[in-house]
PDB file of all heavy atoms in Angstrom:
ATOM      1  N   ARG A   1      90.227  80.615  77.861  1.00  0.00           N
ATOM      2  CA  ARG A   1      90.294  79.143  77.488  1.00  0.00           C
ATOM      3  C   ARG A   1      90.819  78.310  78.662  1.00  0.00           C
ATOM      4  O   ARG A   1      90.372  77.242  78.906  1.00  0.00           O
ATOM      5  CB  ARG A   1      91.103  79.033  76.233  1.00  0.00           C
ATOM      6  CG  ARG A   1      91.121  77.576  75.695  1.00  0.00           C
ATOM      7  CD  ARG A   1      91.859  77.475  74.334  1.00  0.00           C
ATOM      8  NE  ARG A   1      91.058  78.201  73.308  1.00  0.00           N
ATOM      9  CZ  ARG A   1      91.543  79.008  72.432  1.00  0.00           C
ATOM     10  NH1 ARG A   1      92.815  79.358  72.462  1.00  0.00           N
ATOM     11  NH2 ARG A   1      90.809  79.548  71.484  1.00  0.00           N
ATOM     12  N   TYR A   2      91.863  78.903  79.261  1.00  0.00           N
ATOM     13  CA  TYR A   2      92.350  78.270  80.504  1.00  0.00           C
ATOM     14  C   TYR A   2      93.065  79.356  81.268  1.00  0.00           C
ATOM     15  O   TYR A   2      93.356  80.428  80.806  1.00  0.00           O
ATOM     16  CB  TYR A   2      93.339  77.148  80.197  1.00  0.00           C
ATOM     17  CG  TYR A   2      94.651  77.601  79.545  1.00  0.00           C
ATOM     18  CD1 TYR A   2      95.680  78.108  80.346  1.00  0.00           C
ATOM     19  CD2 TYR A   2      94.812  77.524  78.164  1.00  0.00           C
ATOM     20  CE1 TYR A   2      96.836  78.524  79.748  1.00  0.00           C
ATOM     21  CE2 TYR A   2      95.992  77.935  77.590  1.00  0.00           C
ATOM     22  CZ  TYR A   2      97.002  78.458  78.311  1.00  0.00           C
ATOM     23  OH  TYR A   2      98.164  78.881  77.762  1.00  0.00           O
ATOM     24  N   ALA A   3      93.262  79.102  82.566  1.00  0.00           N
ATOM     25  CA  ALA A   3      94.092  80.010  83.410  1.00  0.00           C
ATOM     26  C   ALA A   3      94.742  79.185  84.498  1.00  0.00           C
ATOM     27  O   ALA A   3      94.157  78.263  85.055  1.00  0.00           O
ATOM     28  CB  ALA A   3      93.150  81.085  83.969  1.00  0.00           C
ATOM     29  N   THR A   4      96.006  79.546  84.784  1.00  0.00           N
ATOM     30  CA  THR A   4      96.613  78.915  85.907  1.00  0.00           C
ATOM     31  C   THR A   4      97.012  80.046  86.954  1.00  0.00           C
ATOM     32  O   THR A   4      97.264  81.119  86.605  1.00  0.00           O
ATOM     33  CB  THR A   4      97.938  78.215  85.449  1.00  0.00           C
ATOM     34  OG1 THR A   4      98.814  79.179  84.856  1.00  0.00           O
ATOM     35  CG2 THR A   4      97.619  77.142  84.483  1.00  0.00           C
ATOM     36  N   GLY A   5      96.941  79.605  88.186  1.00  0.00           N
ATOM     37  CA  GLY A   5      97.156  80.552  89.267  1.00  0.00           C
ATOM     38  C   GLY A   5      95.831  80.752  89.990  1.00  0.00           C
ATOM     39  O   GLY A   5      94.721  80.508  89.401  1.00  0.00           O
ATOM     40  N   VAL A   6      95.837  81.199  91.212  1.00  0.00           N
ATOM     41  CA  VAL A   6      94.652  81.344  91.999  1.00  0.00           C
ATOM     42  C   VAL A   6      94.128  82.778  91.890  1.00  0.00           C
ATOM     43  O   VAL A   6      94.905  83.729  92.200  1.00  0.00           O
ATOM     44  CB  VAL A   6      94.922  80.962  93.484  1.00  0.00           C
ATOM     45  CG1 VAL A   6      93.559  81.134  94.308  1.00  0.00           C
ATOM     46  CG2 VAL A   6      95.484  79.585  93.604  1.00  0.00           C
ATOM     47  N   PRO A   7      92.869  82.996  91.404  1.00  0.00           N
ATOM     48  CA  PRO A   7      92.363  84.356  91.275  1.00  0.00           C
ATOM     49  C   PRO A   7      92.311  85.023  92.637  1.00  0.00           C
ATOM     50  O   PRO A   7      92.226  84.456  93.685  1.00  0.00           O
ATOM     51  CB  PRO A   7      90.950  84.114  90.728  1.00  0.00           C
ATOM     52  CG  PRO A   7      90.958  82.749  90.140  1.00  0.00           C
ATOM     53  CD  PRO A   7      91.917  81.975  90.941  1.00  0.00           C
ATOM     54  N   ARG A   8      92.454  86.383  92.629  1.00  0.00           N
ATOM     55  CA  ARG A   8      92.441  87.157  93.845  1.00  0.00           C
ATOM     56  C   ARG A   8      90.970  87.512  94.167  1.00  0.00           C
ATOM     57  O   ARG A   8      90.139  87.643  93.315  1.00  0.00           O
ATOM     58  CB  ARG A   8      93.215  88.416  93.653  1.00  0.00           C
ATOM     59  CG  ARG A   8      94.612  88.288  92.985  1.00  0.00           C
ATOM     60  CD  ARG A   8      95.678  88.059  93.961  1.00  0.00           C
ATOM     61  NE  ARG A   8      96.965  88.113  93.248  1.00  0.00           N
ATOM     62  CZ  ARG A   8      98.133  87.979  93.890  1.00  0.00           C
ATOM     63  NH1 ARG A   8      98.199  87.891  95.198  1.00  0.00           N
ATOM     64  NH2 ARG A   8      99.267  88.005  93.216  1.00  0.00           N
ATOM     65  N   ALA A   9      90.800  87.822  95.469  1.00  0.00           N
ATOM     66  CA  ALA A   9      89.472  88.340  95.906  1.00  0.00           C
ATOM     67  C   ALA A   9      89.417  89.836  95.633  1.00  0.00           C
ATOM     68  O   ALA A   9      90.433  90.513  95.476  1.00  0.00           O
ATOM     69  CB  ALA A   9      89.254  88.074  97.391  1.00  0.00           C
ATOM     70  N   ILE A  10      88.201  90.397  95.596  1.00  0.00           N
ATOM     71  CA  ILE A  10      88.023  91.806  95.237  1.00  0.00           C
ATOM     72  C   ILE A  10      88.768  92.759  96.203  1.00  0.00           C
ATOM     73  O   ILE A  10      89.477  93.656  95.717  1.00  0.00           O
ATOM     74  CB  ILE A  10      86.524  92.166  95.203  1.00  0.00           C
ATOM     75  CG1 ILE A  10      85.862  91.602  93.953  1.00  0.00           C
ATOM     76  CG2 ILE A  10      86.304  93.662  95.229  1.00  0.00           C
ATOM     77  CD1 ILE A  10      84.409  91.848  93.903  1.00  0.00           C
ATOM     78  N   PRO A  11      88.684  92.610  97.509  1.00  0.00           N
ATOM     79  CA  PRO A  11      89.494  93.516  98.389  1.00  0.00           C
ATOM     80  C   PRO A  11      90.949  93.536  98.088  1.00  0.00           C
ATOM     81  O   PRO A  11      91.514  94.654  98.063  1.00  0.00           O
ATOM     82  CB  PRO A  11      89.179  92.946  99.801  1.00  0.00           C
ATOM     83  CG  PRO A  11      87.900  92.263  99.681  1.00  0.00           C
ATOM     84  CD  PRO A  11      87.915  91.620  98.328  1.00  0.00           C
ATOM     85  N   GLU A  12      91.559  92.416  97.780  1.00  0.00           N
ATOM     86  CA  GLU A  12      92.966  92.354  97.489  1.00  0.00           C
ATOM     87  C   GLU A  12      93.280  93.099  96.174  1.00  0.00           C
ATOM     88  O   GLU A  12      94.248  93.818  96.047  1.00  0.00           O
ATOM     89  CB  GLU A  12      93.463  90.897  97.369  1.00  0.00           C
ATOM     90  CG  GLU A  12      94.934  90.784  97.336  1.00  0.00           C
ATOM     91  CD  GLU A  12      95.385  89.344  97.313  1.00  0.00           C
ATOM     92  OE1 GLU A  12      94.516  88.429  97.290  1.00  0.00           O
ATOM     93  OE2 GLU A  12      96.624  89.077  97.418  1.00  0.00           O
ATOM     94  N   ILE A  13      92.398  92.903  95.139  1.00  0.00           N
ATOM     95  CA  ILE A  13      92.593  93.568  93.897  1.00  0.00           C
ATOM     96  C   ILE A  13      92.451  95.130  94.075  1.00  0.00           C
ATOM     97  O   ILE A  13      93.238  95.872  93.515  1.00  0.00           O
ATOM     98  CB  ILE A  13      91.538  93.097  92.842  1.00  0.00           C
ATOM     99  CG1 ILE A  13      91.835  91.667  92.409  1.00  0.00           C
ATOM    100  CG2 ILE A  13      91.463  94.043  91.685  1.00  0.00           C
ATOM    101  CD1 ILE A  13      93.100  91.587  91.533  1.00  0.00           C
ATOM    102  N   CYS A  14      91.465  95.515  94.921  1.00  0.00           N
ATOM    103  CA  CYS A  14      91.294  96.976  95.123  1.00  0.00           C
ATOM    104  C   CYS A  14      92.441  97.579  95.843  1.00  0.00           C
ATOM    105  O   CYS A  14      92.844  98.747  95.610  1.00  0.00           O
ATOM    106  CB  CYS A  14      89.964  97.228  95.852  1.00  0.00           C
ATOM    107  SG  CYS A  14      88.512  96.957  94.736  1.00  0.00           S
ATOM    108  N   GLN A  15      93.034  96.858  96.790  1.00  0.00           N
ATOM    109  CA  GLN A  15      94.237  97.333  97.507  1.00  0.00           C
ATOM    110  C   GLN A  15      95.352  97.611  96.462  1.00  0.00           C
ATOM    111  O   GLN A  15      96.089  98.614  96.505  1.00  0.00           O
ATOM    112  CB  GLN A  15      94.709  96.304  98.515  1.00  0.00           C
ATOM    113  CG  GLN A  15      93.871  96.234  99.796  1.00  0.00           C
ATOM    114  CD  GLN A  15      94.406  95.213 100.760  1.00  0.00           C
ATOM    115  OE1 GLN A  15      94.339  94.001 100.497  1.00  0.00           O
ATOM    116  NE2 GLN A  15      94.985  95.674 101.862  1.00  0.00           N
ATOM    117  N   ALA A  16      95.481  96.723  95.522  1.00  0.00           N
ATOM    118  CA  ALA A  16      96.598  96.872  94.522  1.00  0.00           C
ATOM    119  C   ALA A  16      96.227  97.957  93.532  1.00  0.00           C
ATOM    120  O   ALA A  16      97.077  98.683  93.066  1.00  0.00           O
ATOM    121  CB  ALA A  16      96.721  95.518  93.754  1.00  0.00           C
ATOM    122  N   LEU A  17      94.927  98.101  93.190  1.00  0.00           N
ATOM    123  CA  LEU A  17      94.550  99.191  92.312  1.00  0.00           C
ATOM    124  C   LEU A  17      94.878 100.560  92.857  1.00  0.00           C
ATOM    125  O   LEU A  17      95.471 101.393  92.169  1.00  0.00           O
ATOM    126  CB  LEU A  17      92.992  99.071  92.025  1.00  0.00           C
ATOM    127  CG  LEU A  17      92.586  98.147  90.896  1.00  0.00           C
ATOM    128  CD1 LEU A  17      91.045  97.977  90.931  1.00  0.00           C
ATOM    129  CD2 LEU A  17      93.001  98.674  89.516  1.00  0.00           C
ATOM    130  N   VAL A  18      94.471 100.789  94.133  1.00  0.00           N
ATOM    131  CA  VAL A  18      94.745 102.075  94.752  1.00  0.00           C
ATOM    132  C   VAL A  18      96.260 102.272  94.874  1.00  0.00           C
ATOM    133  O   VAL A  18      96.781 103.371  94.665  1.00  0.00           O
ATOM    134  CB  VAL A  18      94.084 102.183  96.114  1.00  0.00           C
ATOM    135  CG1 VAL A  18      94.406 103.487  96.775  1.00  0.00           C
ATOM    136  CG2 VAL A  18      92.535 102.083  95.931  1.00  0.00           C
ATOM    137  N   HIS A  19      97.025 101.229  95.208  1.00  0.00           N
ATOM    138  CA  HIS A  19      98.475 101.338  95.343  1.00  0.00           C
ATOM    139  C   HIS A  19      99.082 101.700  93.987  1.00  0.00           C
ATOM    140  O   HIS A  19      99.956 102.582  93.961  1.00  0.00           O
ATOM    141  CB  HIS A  19      98.953  99.954  95.849  1.00  0.00           C
ATOM    142  CG  HIS A  19     100.496  99.970  95.940  1.00  0.00           C
ATOM    143  ND1 HIS A  19     101.361  99.489  94.962  1.00  0.00           N
ATOM    144  CD2 HIS A  19     101.348 100.320  96.988  1.00  0.00           C
ATOM    145  CE1 HIS A  19     102.612  99.609  95.332  1.00  0.00           C
ATOM    146  NE2 HIS A  19     102.623 100.100  96.568  1.00  0.00           N
ATOM    147  N   ALA A  20      98.665 101.098  92.932  1.00  0.00           N
ATOM    148  CA  ALA A  20      99.261 101.364  91.599  1.00  0.00           C
ATOM    149  C   ALA A  20      98.758 102.610  90.962  1.00  0.00           C
ATOM    150  O   ALA A  20      99.505 103.367  90.278  1.00  0.00           O
ATOM    151  CB  ALA A  20      98.972 100.136  90.720  1.00  0.00           C
ATOM    152  N   LEU A  21      97.474 102.964  91.137  1.00  0.00           N
ATOM    153  CA  LEU A  21      96.880 104.061  90.466  1.00  0.00           C
ATOM    154  C   LEU A  21      96.977 105.388  91.192  1.00  0.00           C
ATOM    155  O   LEU A  21      96.834 106.474  90.554  1.00  0.00           O
ATOM    156  CB  LEU A  21      95.415 103.799  90.154  1.00  0.00           C
ATOM    157  CG  LEU A  21      95.062 102.581  89.309  1.00  0.00           C
ATOM    158  CD1 LEU A  21      93.556 102.537  89.048  1.00  0.00           C
ATOM    159  CD2 LEU A  21      95.842 102.568  88.024  1.00  0.00           C
ATOM    160  N   GLY A  22      97.340 105.357  92.481  1.00  0.00           N
ATOM    161  CA  GLY A  22      97.376 106.623  93.271  1.00  0.00           C
ATOM    162  C   GLY A  22      98.346 107.647  92.682  1.00  0.00           C
ATOM    163  O   GLY A  22      98.018 108.775  92.390  1.00  0.00           O
ATOM    164  N   PRO A  23      99.576 107.171  92.346  1.00  0.00           N
ATOM    165  CA  PRO A  23     100.530 108.208  91.738  1.00  0.00           C
ATOM    166  C   PRO A  23     100.065 108.665  90.362  1.00  0.00           C
ATOM    167  O   PRO A  23     100.282 109.844  90.004  1.00  0.00           O
ATOM    168  CB  PRO A  23     101.821 107.361  91.666  1.00  0.00           C
ATOM    169  CG  PRO A  23     101.705 106.293  92.650  1.00  0.00           C
ATOM    170  CD  PRO A  23     100.265 105.923  92.678  1.00  0.00           C
ATOM    171  N   VAL A  24      99.458 107.778  89.562  1.00  0.00           N
ATOM    172  CA  VAL A  24      98.965 108.184  88.275  1.00  0.00           C
ATOM    173  C   VAL A  24      97.860 109.178  88.415  1.00  0.00           C
ATOM    174  O   VAL A  24      97.830 110.231  87.723  1.00  0.00           O
ATOM    175  CB  VAL A  24      98.469 106.967  87.465  1.00  0.00           C
ATOM    176  CG1 VAL A  24      97.865 107.364  86.098  1.00  0.00           C
ATOM    177  CG2 VAL A  24      99.581 105.945  87.305  1.00  0.00           C
ATOM    178  N   PHE A  25      96.948 108.930  89.311  1.00  0.00           N
ATOM    179  CA  PHE A  25      95.829 109.859  89.569  1.00  0.00           C
ATOM    180  C   PHE A  25      96.347 111.219  90.023  1.00  0.00           C
ATOM    181  O   PHE A  25      95.872 112.261  89.512  1.00  0.00           O
ATOM    182  CB  PHE A  25      94.888 109.235  90.586  1.00  0.00           C
ATOM    183  CG  PHE A  25      93.727 110.123  90.859  1.00  0.00           C
ATOM    184  CD1 PHE A  25      92.582 110.192  90.070  1.00  0.00           C
ATOM    185  CD2 PHE A  25      93.689 111.004  91.968  1.00  0.00           C
ATOM    186  CE1 PHE A  25      91.538 110.963  90.288  1.00  0.00           C
ATOM    187  CE2 PHE A  25      92.597 111.857  92.249  1.00  0.00           C
ATOM    188  CZ  PHE A  25      91.507 111.836  91.356  1.00  0.00           C
ATOM    189  N   THR A  26      97.262 111.289  90.954  1.00  0.00           N
ATOM    190  CA  THR A  26      97.804 112.524  91.470  1.00  0.00           C
ATOM    191  C   THR A  26      98.461 113.322  90.321  1.00  0.00           C
ATOM    192  O   THR A  26      98.286 114.526  90.184  1.00  0.00           O
ATOM    193  CB  THR A  26      98.854 112.257  92.551  1.00  0.00           C
ATOM    194  OG1 THR A  26      98.191 111.564  93.632  1.00  0.00           O
ATOM    195  CG2 THR A  26      99.427 113.552  93.083  1.00  0.00           C
ATOM    196  N   ALA A  27      99.231 112.613  89.483  1.00  0.00           N
ATOM    197  CA  ALA A  27      99.959 113.288  88.339  1.00  0.00           C
ATOM    198  C   ALA A  27      98.992 113.755  87.232  1.00  0.00           C
ATOM    199  O   ALA A  27      99.298 114.736  86.617  1.00  0.00           O
ATOM    200  CB  ALA A  27     101.036 112.334  87.782  1.00  0.00           C
ATOM    201  N   GLN A  28      97.880 113.038  87.125  1.00  0.00           N
ATOM    202  CA  GLN A  28      97.054 113.311  85.907  1.00  0.00           C
ATOM    203  C   GLN A  28      95.642 113.889  86.289  1.00  0.00           C
ATOM    204  O   GLN A  28      94.765 113.970  85.418  1.00  0.00           O
ATOM    205  CB  GLN A  28      96.850 112.009  85.121  1.00  0.00           C
ATOM    206  CG  GLN A  28      98.105 111.412  84.565  1.00  0.00           C
ATOM    207  CD  GLN A  28      98.758 112.197  83.493  1.00  0.00           C
ATOM    208  OE1 GLN A  28      98.169 113.159  82.936  1.00  0.00           O
ATOM    209  NE2 GLN A  28      99.992 111.869  83.127  1.00  0.00           N
ATOM    210  N   GLU A  29      95.464 114.290  87.553  1.00  0.00           N
ATOM    211  CA  GLU A  29      94.153 114.688  88.003  1.00  0.00           C
ATOM    212  C   GLU A  29      93.598 115.830  87.209  1.00  0.00           C
ATOM    213  O   GLU A  29      92.420 115.859  86.808  1.00  0.00           O
ATOM    214  CB  GLU A  29      94.301 115.114  89.472  1.00  0.00           C
ATOM    215  CG  GLU A  29      92.941 115.437  90.099  1.00  0.00           C
ATOM    216  CD  GLU A  29      93.084 115.735  91.605  1.00  0.00           C
ATOM    217  OE1 GLU A  29      94.173 115.871  92.043  1.00  0.00           O
ATOM    218  OE2 GLU A  29      91.991 115.834  92.224  1.00  0.00           O
ATOM    219  N   ARG A  30      94.409 116.863  86.863  1.00  0.00           N
ATOM    220  CA  ARG A  30      93.912 117.981  86.084  1.00  0.00           C
ATOM    221  C   ARG A  30      93.502 117.515  84.685  1.00  0.00           C
ATOM    222  O   ARG A  30      92.491 117.903  84.156  1.00  0.00           O
ATOM    223  CB  ARG A  30      95.013 119.029  86.000  1.00  0.00           C
ATOM    224  CG  ARG A  30      94.603 120.280  85.095  1.00  0.00           C
ATOM    225  CD  ARG A  30      95.788 121.198  84.963  1.00  0.00           C
ATOM    226  NE  ARG A  30      95.444 122.304  84.086  1.00  0.00           N
ATOM    227  CZ  ARG A  30      94.942 123.533  84.507  1.00  0.00           C
ATOM    228  NH1 ARG A  30      94.804 123.715  85.805  1.00  0.00           N
ATOM    229  NH2 ARG A  30      94.633 124.471  83.651  1.00  0.00           N
ATOM    230  N   ARG A  31      94.361 116.666  84.023  1.00  0.00           N
ATOM    231  CA  ARG A  31      94.056 116.187  82.724  1.00  0.00           C
ATOM    232  C   ARG A  31      92.761 115.355  82.720  1.00  0.00           C
ATOM    233  O   ARG A  31      91.954 115.419  81.775  1.00  0.00           O
ATOM    234  CB  ARG A  31      95.210 115.334  82.184  1.00  0.00           C
ATOM    235  CG  ARG A  31      95.059 114.956  80.704  1.00  0.00           C
ATOM    236  CD  ARG A  31      96.049 113.929  80.249  1.00  0.00           C
ATOM    237  NE  ARG A  31      97.449 114.384  80.531  1.00  0.00           N
ATOM    238  CZ  ARG A  31      98.215 115.094  79.665  1.00  0.00           C
ATOM    239  NH1 ARG A  31      97.724 115.404  78.483  1.00  0.00           N
ATOM    240  NH2 ARG A  31      99.444 115.415  79.966  1.00  0.00           N
ATOM    241  N   ILE A  32      92.580 114.545  83.753  1.00  0.00           N
ATOM    242  CA  ILE A  32      91.324 113.765  83.895  1.00  0.00           C
ATOM    243  C   ILE A  32      90.088 114.672  83.930  1.00  0.00           C
ATOM    244  O   ILE A  32      89.142 114.399  83.197  1.00  0.00           O
ATOM    245  CB  ILE A  32      91.395 112.856  85.167  1.00  0.00           C
ATOM    246  CG1 ILE A  32      92.449 111.815  85.000  1.00  0.00           C
ATOM    247  CG2 ILE A  32      90.008 112.250  85.385  1.00  0.00           C
ATOM    248  CD1 ILE A  32      92.839 111.104  86.304  1.00  0.00           C
ATOM    249  N   ALA A  33      90.187 115.731  84.704  1.00  0.00           N
ATOM    250  CA  ALA A  33      89.074 116.725  84.744  1.00  0.00           C
ATOM    251  C   ALA A  33      88.817 117.368  83.440  1.00  0.00           C
ATOM    252  O   ALA A  33      87.683 117.528  82.996  1.00  0.00           O
ATOM    253  CB  ALA A  33      89.341 117.711  85.839  1.00  0.00           C
ATOM    254  N   GLU A  34      89.907 117.681  82.738  1.00  0.00           N
ATOM    255  CA  GLU A  34      89.736 118.295  81.409  1.00  0.00           C
ATOM    256  C   GLU A  34      89.118 117.345  80.397  1.00  0.00           C
ATOM    257  O   GLU A  34      88.396 117.735  79.494  1.00  0.00           O
ATOM    258  CB  GLU A  34      91.170 118.729  80.905  1.00  0.00           C
ATOM    259  CG  GLU A  34      91.739 119.930  81.639  1.00  0.00           C
ATOM    260  CD  GLU A  34      93.194 120.224  81.156  1.00  0.00           C
ATOM    261  OE1 GLU A  34      93.854 119.314  80.692  1.00  0.00           O
ATOM    262  OE2 GLU A  34      93.584 121.386  81.299  1.00  0.00           O
TER     263      GLU A  34
END
């Protein structure tokens, strides 16, 4: 309906995704495969 703040560009979002998800992926890799 509304949003305040400047949206991020895709490369910046992907940098943050890999930064945040890397530890989760490493810890849960076996479970993900299962």
